[in-house]
PDB file of N, CA and C in Angstrom:
ATOM      1  N   MET A   1      15.454 -21.054  68.507  1.00  0.00           N
ATOM      2  CA  MET A   1      14.257 -20.514  67.899  1.00  0.00           C
ATOM      3  C   MET A   1      13.430 -21.677  67.364  1.00  0.00           C
ATOM      4  N   SER A   2      12.147 -21.628  67.626  1.00  0.00           N
ATOM      5  CA  SER A   2      11.275 -22.700  67.174  1.00  0.00           C
ATOM      6  C   SER A   2      10.937 -22.522  65.698  1.00  0.00           C
ATOM      7  N   LEU A   3      10.463 -23.582  65.104  1.00  0.00           N
ATOM      8  CA  LEU A   3      10.084 -23.556  63.694  1.00  0.00           C
ATOM      9  C   LEU A   3       8.931 -22.581  63.460  1.00  0.00           C
ATOM     10  N   ARG A   4       7.964 -22.554  64.356  1.00  0.00           N
ATOM     11  CA  ARG A   4       6.820 -21.645  64.192  1.00  0.00           C
ATOM     12  C   ARG A   4       7.258 -20.188  64.283  1.00  0.00           C
ATOM     13  N   ALA A   5       8.153 -19.885  65.194  1.00  0.00           N
ATOM     14  CA  ALA A   5       8.657 -18.513  65.320  1.00  0.00           C
ATOM     15  C   ALA A   5       9.402 -18.112  64.049  1.00  0.00           C
ATOM     16  N   LEU A   6      10.151 -19.034  63.499  1.00  0.00           N
ATOM     17  CA  LEU A   6      10.875 -18.770  62.259  1.00  0.00           C
ATOM     18  C   LEU A   6       9.897 -18.556  61.102  1.00  0.00           C
ATOM     19  N   GLN A   7       8.845 -19.361  61.045  1.00  0.00           N
ATOM     20  CA  GLN A   7       7.841 -19.198  59.991  1.00  0.00           C
ATOM     21  C   GLN A   7       7.144 -17.844  60.090  1.00  0.00           C
ATOM     22  N   ARG A   8       6.817 -17.419  61.308  1.00  0.00           N
ATOM     23  CA  ARG A   8       6.183 -16.103  61.498  1.00  0.00           C
ATOM     24  C   ARG A   8       7.122 -14.982  61.061  1.00  0.00           C
ATOM     25  N   ARG A   9       8.382 -15.133  61.396  1.00  0.00           N
ATOM     26  CA  ARG A   9       9.364 -14.109  61.030  1.00  0.00           C
ATOM     27  C   ARG A   9       9.525 -14.017  59.511  1.00  0.00           C
ATOM     28  N   VAL A  10       9.608 -15.157  58.852  1.00  0.00           N
ATOM     29  CA  VAL A  10       9.732 -15.184  57.397  1.00  0.00           C
ATOM     30  C   VAL A  10       8.488 -14.574  56.754  1.00  0.00           C
ATOM     31  N   LYS A  11       7.315 -14.877  57.291  1.00  0.00           N
ATOM     32  CA  LYS A  11       6.074 -14.316  56.748  1.00  0.00           C
ATOM     33  C   LYS A  11       6.066 -12.793  56.876  1.00  0.00           C
ATOM     34  N   ARG A  12       6.497 -12.258  58.020  1.00  0.00           N
ATOM     35  CA  ARG A  12       6.553 -10.802  58.188  1.00  0.00           C
ATOM     36  C   ARG A  12       7.508 -10.174  57.189  1.00  0.00           C
ATOM     37  N   ILE A  13       8.643 -10.811  56.970  1.00  0.00           N
ATOM     38  CA  ILE A  13       9.619 -10.290  56.006  1.00  0.00           C
ATOM     39  C   ILE A  13       9.039 -10.318  54.596  1.00  0.00           C
ATOM     40  N   GLU A  14       8.406 -11.425  54.235  1.00  0.00           N
ATOM     41  CA  GLU A  14       7.799 -11.537  52.901  1.00  0.00           C
ATOM     42  C   GLU A  14       6.676 -10.521  52.720  1.00  0.00           C
ATOM     43  N   ASP A  15       5.845 -10.342  53.735  1.00  0.00           N
ATOM     44  CA  ASP A  15       4.751  -9.371  53.644  1.00  0.00           C
ATOM     45  C   ASP A  15       5.285  -7.950  53.496  1.00  0.00           C
ATOM     46  N   ALA A  16       6.372  -7.648  54.158  1.00  0.00           N
ATOM     47  CA  ALA A  16       6.951  -6.302  54.077  1.00  0.00           C
ATOM     48  C   ALA A  16       7.494  -6.016  52.679  1.00  0.00           C
ATOM     49  N   ARG A  17       7.879  -7.049  51.967  1.00  0.00           N
ATOM     50  CA  ARG A  17       8.431  -6.869  50.615  1.00  0.00           C
ATOM     51  C   ARG A  17       7.371  -6.789  49.528  1.00  0.00           C
ATOM     52  N   LYS A  18       6.148  -7.160  49.851  1.00  0.00           N
ATOM     53  CA  LYS A  18       5.082  -7.110  48.848  1.00  0.00           C
ATOM     54  C   LYS A  18       4.759  -5.658  48.522  1.00  0.00           C
ATOM     55  N   PRO A  19       4.470  -5.381  47.251  1.00  0.00           N
ATOM     56  CA  PRO A  19       4.088  -4.009  46.915  1.00  0.00           C
ATOM     57  C   PRO A  19       2.749  -3.654  47.558  1.00  0.00           C
ATOM     58  N   ARG A  20       2.680  -2.448  48.047  1.00  0.00           N
ATOM     59  CA  ARG A  20       1.433  -1.986  48.651  1.00  0.00           C
ATOM     60  C   ARG A  20       0.566  -1.374  47.564  1.00  0.00           C
ATOM     61  N   PRO A  21      -0.734  -1.527  47.688  1.00  0.00           N
ATOM     62  CA  PRO A  21      -1.610  -0.934  46.660  1.00  0.00           C
ATOM     63  C   PRO A  21      -1.613   0.586  46.767  1.00  0.00           C
ATOM     64  N   SER A  22      -1.844   1.221  45.647  1.00  0.00           N
ATOM     65  CA  SER A  22      -1.977   2.673  45.648  1.00  0.00           C
ATOM     66  C   SER A  22      -3.262   3.045  46.377  1.00  0.00           C
ATOM     67  N   PRO A  23      -3.396   4.285  46.790  1.00  0.00           N
ATOM     68  CA  PRO A  23      -4.658   4.692  47.422  1.00  0.00           C
ATOM     69  C   PRO A  23      -5.870   4.461  46.517  1.00  0.00           C
ATOM     70  N   PHE A  24      -5.693   4.620  45.219  1.00  0.00           N
ATOM     71  CA  PHE A  24      -6.811   4.420  44.297  1.00  0.00           C
ATOM     72  C   PHE A  24      -7.233   2.953  44.265  1.00  0.00           C
ATOM     73  N   THR A  25      -6.277   2.063  44.316  1.00  0.00           N
ATOM     74  CA  THR A  25      -6.584   0.637  44.344  1.00  0.00           C
ATOM     75  C   THR A  25      -7.272   0.277  45.654  1.00  0.00           C
ATOM     76  N   ALA A  26      -6.787   0.835  46.746  1.00  0.00           N
ATOM     77  CA  ALA A  26      -7.383   0.548  48.051  1.00  0.00           C
ATOM     78  C   ALA A  26      -8.806   1.099  48.159  1.00  0.00           C
ATOM     79  N   TRP A  27      -9.040   2.296  47.638  1.00  0.00           N
ATOM     80  CA  TRP A  27     -10.347   2.942  47.792  1.00  0.00           C
ATOM     81  C   TRP A  27     -11.351   2.547  46.727  1.00  0.00           C
ATOM     82  N   PHE A  28     -10.888   2.392  45.475  1.00  0.00           N
ATOM     83  CA  PHE A  28     -11.819   2.190  44.365  1.00  0.00           C
ATOM     84  C   PHE A  28     -11.647   0.860  43.638  1.00  0.00           C
ATOM     85  N   GLY A  29     -10.579   0.150  43.887  1.00  0.00           N
ATOM     86  CA  GLY A  29     -10.306  -1.091  43.188  1.00  0.00           C
ATOM     87  C   GLY A  29      -9.255  -0.923  42.105  1.00  0.00           C
ATOM     88  N   SER A  30      -9.217   0.255  41.483  1.00  0.00           N
ATOM     89  CA  SER A  30      -8.194   0.565  40.490  1.00  0.00           C
ATOM     90  C   SER A  30      -8.267   2.047  40.143  1.00  0.00           C
ATOM     91  N   LEU A  31      -7.227   2.535  39.531  1.00  0.00           N
ATOM     92  CA  LEU A  31      -7.202   3.920  39.070  1.00  0.00           C
ATOM     93  C   LEU A  31      -8.253   4.130  37.981  1.00  0.00           C
ATOM     94  N   ASP A  32      -8.443   3.133  37.122  1.00  0.00           N
ATOM     95  CA  ASP A  32      -9.434   3.241  36.052  1.00  0.00           C
ATOM     96  C   ASP A  32     -10.853   3.412  36.600  1.00  0.00           C
ATOM     97  N   VAL A  33     -11.174   2.689  37.655  1.00  0.00           N
ATOM     98  CA  VAL A  33     -12.506   2.814  38.255  1.00  0.00           C
ATOM     99  C   VAL A  33     -12.684   4.222  38.820  1.00  0.00           C
ATOM    100  N   TRP A  34     -11.643   4.761  39.463  1.00  0.00           N
ATOM    101  CA  TRP A  34     -11.716   6.127  40.000  1.00  0.00           C
ATOM    102  C   TRP A  34     -11.958   7.137  38.883  1.00  0.00           C
ATOM    103  N   VAL A  35     -11.244   6.960  37.768  1.00  0.00           N
ATOM    104  CA  VAL A  35     -11.432   7.874  36.644  1.00  0.00           C
ATOM    105  C   VAL A  35     -12.872   7.793  36.143  1.00  0.00           C
ATOM    106  N   GLU A  36     -13.404   6.588  35.999  1.00  0.00           N
ATOM    107  CA  GLU A  36     -14.773   6.425  35.516  1.00  0.00           C
ATOM    108  C   GLU A  36     -15.815   6.963  36.489  1.00  0.00           C
ATOM    109  N   MET A  37     -15.580   6.777  37.793  1.00  0.00           N
ATOM    110  CA  MET A  37     -16.571   7.174  38.795  1.00  0.00           C
ATOM    111  C   MET A  37     -16.492   8.658  39.159  1.00  0.00           C
ATOM    112  N   GLU A  38     -15.288   9.212  39.191  1.00  0.00           N
ATOM    113  CA  GLU A  38     -15.115  10.566  39.712  1.00  0.00           C
ATOM    114  C   GLU A  38     -14.711  11.583  38.645  1.00  0.00           C
ATOM    115  N   ILE A  39     -13.781  11.225  37.798  1.00  0.00           N
ATOM    116  CA  ILE A  39     -13.205  12.200  36.866  1.00  0.00           C
ATOM    117  C   ILE A  39     -14.121  12.432  35.662  1.00  0.00           C
ATOM    118  N   LEU A  40     -14.518  11.367  34.991  1.00  0.00           N
ATOM    119  CA  LEU A  40     -15.346  11.534  33.792  1.00  0.00           C
ATOM    120  C   LEU A  40     -16.649  12.284  34.075  1.00  0.00           C
ATOM    121  N   PRO A  41     -17.381  11.954  35.138  1.00  0.00           N
ATOM    122  CA  PRO A  41     -18.584  12.749  35.414  1.00  0.00           C
ATOM    123  C   PRO A  41     -18.266  14.224  35.710  1.00  0.00           C
ATOM    124  N   GLY A  42     -17.147  14.476  36.386  1.00  0.00           N
ATOM    125  CA  GLY A  42     -16.759  15.852  36.665  1.00  0.00           C
ATOM    126  C   GLY A  42     -16.403  16.622  35.413  1.00  0.00           C
ATOM    127  N   VAL A  43     -15.739  15.958  34.477  1.00  0.00           N
ATOM    128  CA  VAL A  43     -15.396  16.602  33.206  1.00  0.00           C
ATOM    129  C   VAL A  43     -16.668  16.849  32.390  1.00  0.00           C
ATOM    130  N   GLU A  44     -17.541  15.855  32.348  1.00  0.00           N
ATOM    131  CA  GLU A  44     -18.780  15.990  31.574  1.00  0.00           C
ATOM    132  C   GLU A  44     -19.687  17.088  32.120  1.00  0.00           C
ATOM    133  N   SER A  45     -19.682  17.278  33.429  1.00  0.00           N
ATOM    134  CA  SER A  45     -20.530  18.315  34.025  1.00  0.00           C
ATOM    135  C   SER A  45     -19.902  19.703  33.947  1.00  0.00           C
ATOM    136  N   GLY A  46     -18.622  19.755  33.596  1.00  0.00           N
ATOM    137  CA  GLY A  46     -17.934  21.038  33.528  1.00  0.00           C
ATOM    138  C   GLY A  46     -17.263  21.447  34.824  1.00  0.00           C
ATOM    139  N   ALA A  47     -17.372  20.607  35.857  1.00  0.00           N
ATOM    140  CA  ALA A  47     -16.758  20.920  37.144  1.00  0.00           C
ATOM    141  C   ALA A  47     -15.239  20.778  37.092  1.00  0.00           C
ATOM    142  N   LEU A  48     -14.739  19.900  36.226  1.00  0.00           N
ATOM    143  CA  LEU A  48     -13.295  19.676  36.089  1.00  0.00           C
ATOM    144  C   LEU A  48     -12.856  20.027  34.673  1.00  0.00           C
ATOM    145  N   ASP A  49     -11.698  20.635  34.564  1.00  0.00           N
ATOM    146  CA  ASP A  49     -11.154  20.993  33.257  1.00  0.00           C
ATOM    147  C   ASP A  49     -10.585  19.748  32.581  1.00  0.00           C
ATOM    148  N   PRO A  50     -11.018  19.428  31.378  1.00  0.00           N
ATOM    149  CA  PRO A  50     -10.553  18.197  30.726  1.00  0.00           C
ATOM    150  C   PRO A  50      -9.049  18.191  30.459  1.00  0.00           C
ATOM    151  N   ASP A  51      -8.480  19.325  30.061  1.00  0.00           N
ATOM    152  CA  ASP A  51      -7.037  19.358  29.791  1.00  0.00           C
ATOM    153  C   ASP A  51      -6.219  19.121  31.055  1.00  0.00           C
ATOM    154  N   ASP A  52      -6.630  19.751  32.144  1.00  0.00           N
ATOM    155  CA  ASP A  52      -5.928  19.551  33.411  1.00  0.00           C
ATOM    156  C   ASP A  52      -6.045  18.105  33.884  1.00  0.00           C
ATOM    157  N   MET A  53      -7.231  17.534  33.755  1.00  0.00           N
ATOM    158  CA  MET A  53      -7.459  16.178  34.264  1.00  0.00           C
ATOM    159  C   MET A  53      -6.697  15.141  33.452  1.00  0.00           C
ATOM    160  N   ILE A  54      -6.511  15.374  32.162  1.00  0.00           N
ATOM    161  CA  ILE A  54      -5.697  14.445  31.358  1.00  0.00           C
ATOM    162  C   ILE A  54      -4.283  14.408  31.906  1.00  0.00           C
ATOM    163  N   LEU A  55      -3.733  15.571  32.206  1.00  0.00           N
ATOM    164  CA  LEU A  55      -2.374  15.640  32.756  1.00  0.00           C
ATOM    165  C   LEU A  55      -2.305  15.009  34.144  1.00  0.00           C
ATOM    166  N   ILE A  56      -3.259  15.315  34.997  1.00  0.00           N
ATOM    167  CA  ILE A  56      -3.255  14.777  36.360  1.00  0.00           C
ATOM    168  C   ILE A  56      -3.378  13.262  36.350  1.00  0.00           C
ATOM    169  N   VAL A  57      -4.287  12.737  35.554  1.00  0.00           N
ATOM    170  CA  VAL A  57      -4.458  11.278  35.485  1.00  0.00           C
ATOM    171  C   VAL A  57      -3.200  10.621  34.918  1.00  0.00           C
ATOM    172  N   ALA A  58      -2.579  11.243  33.930  1.00  0.00           N
ATOM    173  CA  ALA A  58      -1.346  10.688  33.364  1.00  0.00           C
ATOM    174  C   ALA A  58      -0.239  10.641  34.414  1.00  0.00           C
ATOM    175  N   VAL A  59      -0.122  11.678  35.211  1.00  0.00           N
ATOM    176  CA  VAL A  59       0.897  11.690  36.271  1.00  0.00           C
ATOM    177  C   VAL A  59       0.595  10.622  37.316  1.00  0.00           C
ATOM    178  N   LEU A  60      -0.655  10.506  37.710  1.00  0.00           N
ATOM    179  CA  LEU A  60      -1.014   9.477  38.693  1.00  0.00           C
ATOM    180  C   LEU A  60      -0.749   8.069  38.155  1.00  0.00           C
ATOM    181  N   ARG A  61      -1.010   7.850  36.878  1.00  0.00           N
ATOM    182  CA  ARG A  61      -0.715   6.542  36.272  1.00  0.00           C
ATOM    183  C   ARG A  61       0.793   6.273  36.288  1.00  0.00           C
ATOM    184  N   ALA A  62       1.583   7.292  35.995  1.00  0.00           N
ATOM    185  CA  ALA A  62       3.037   7.132  36.021  1.00  0.00           C
ATOM    186  C   ALA A  62       3.520   6.828  37.433  1.00  0.00           C
ATOM    187  N   TRP A  63       2.969   7.507  38.418  1.00  0.00           N
ATOM    188  CA  TRP A  63       3.344   7.242  39.808  1.00  0.00           C
ATOM    189  C   TRP A  63       2.987   5.817  40.201  1.00  0.00           C
ATOM    190  N   GLU A  64       1.811   5.384  39.777  1.00  0.00           N
ATOM    191  CA  GLU A  64       1.380   4.032  40.116  1.00  0.00           C
ATOM    192  C   GLU A  64       2.287   2.993  39.442  1.00  0.00           C
ATOM    193  N   ALA A  65       2.641   3.226  38.182  1.00  0.00           N
ATOM    194  CA  ALA A  65       3.505   2.288  37.451  1.00  0.00           C
ATOM    195  C   ALA A  65       4.915   2.246  38.025  1.00  0.00           C
ATOM    196  N   SER A  66       5.393   3.375  38.525  1.00  0.00           N
ATOM    197  CA  SER A  66       6.772   3.423  39.036  1.00  0.00           C
ATOM    198  C   SER A  66       6.882   2.975  40.486  1.00  0.00           C
ATOM    199  N   GLY A  67       5.744   2.777  41.146  1.00  0.00           N
ATOM    200  CA  GLY A  67       5.787   2.360  42.543  1.00  0.00           C
ATOM    201  C   GLY A  67       5.983   3.505  43.515  1.00  0.00           C
ATOM    202  N   ALA A  68       5.655   4.709  43.096  1.00  0.00           N
ATOM    203  CA  ALA A  68       5.837   5.875  43.971  1.00  0.00           C
ATOM    204  C   ALA A  68       5.049   5.736  45.273  1.00  0.00           C
ATOM    205  N   TRP A  69       3.926   5.040  45.229  1.00  0.00           N
ATOM    206  CA  TRP A  69       3.128   4.877  46.443  1.00  0.00           C
ATOM    207  C   TRP A  69       3.881   4.041  47.457  1.00  0.00           C
ATOM    208  N   ASP A  70       4.632   3.026  47.008  1.00  0.00           N
ATOM    209  CA  ASP A  70       5.399   2.197  47.927  1.00  0.00           C
ATOM    210  C   ASP A  70       6.448   3.026  48.653  1.00  0.00           C
ATOM    211  N   VAL A  71       7.129   3.896  47.926  1.00  0.00           N
ATOM    212  CA  VAL A  71       8.166   4.731  48.515  1.00  0.00           C
ATOM    213  C   VAL A  71       7.547   5.674  49.539  1.00  0.00           C
ATOM    214  N   ALA A  72       6.437   6.299  49.178  1.00  0.00           N
ATOM    215  CA  ALA A  72       5.787   7.245  50.093  1.00  0.00           C
ATOM    216  C   ALA A  72       5.261   6.557  51.330  1.00  0.00           C
ATOM    217  N   GLN A  73       4.732   5.351  51.199  1.00  0.00           N
ATOM    218  CA  GLN A  73       4.160   4.644  52.338  1.00  0.00           C
ATOM    219  C   GLN A  73       5.237   4.062  53.256  1.00  0.00           C
ATOM    220  N   SER A  74       6.435   3.853  52.734  1.00  0.00           N
ATOM    221  CA  SER A  74       7.486   3.250  53.559  1.00  0.00           C
ATOM    222  C   SER A  74       8.154   4.261  54.467  1.00  0.00           C
ATOM    223  N   ARG A  75       7.861   5.532  54.276  1.00  0.00           N
ATOM    224  CA  ARG A  75       8.473   6.570  55.124  1.00  0.00           C
ATOM    225  C   ARG A  75       7.754   6.726  56.416  1.00  0.00           C
TER     226      ARG A  75
END
């Protein structure tokens, strides 16, 4: 095996071990930006229930902190 082939293989292994961003990070840059852009205006307009959205955002934050997106994406 050549050195370059070994380097490519190591890079693929290292890349596979890196945490993948959550969908919110990929689409909006962060979960906080999504909340500011989508959730807060919806709550202020009355389109979204504030009590429900507090719970939903809290669950999404917990999923993001625990790495649930990595597990789901690896399947």
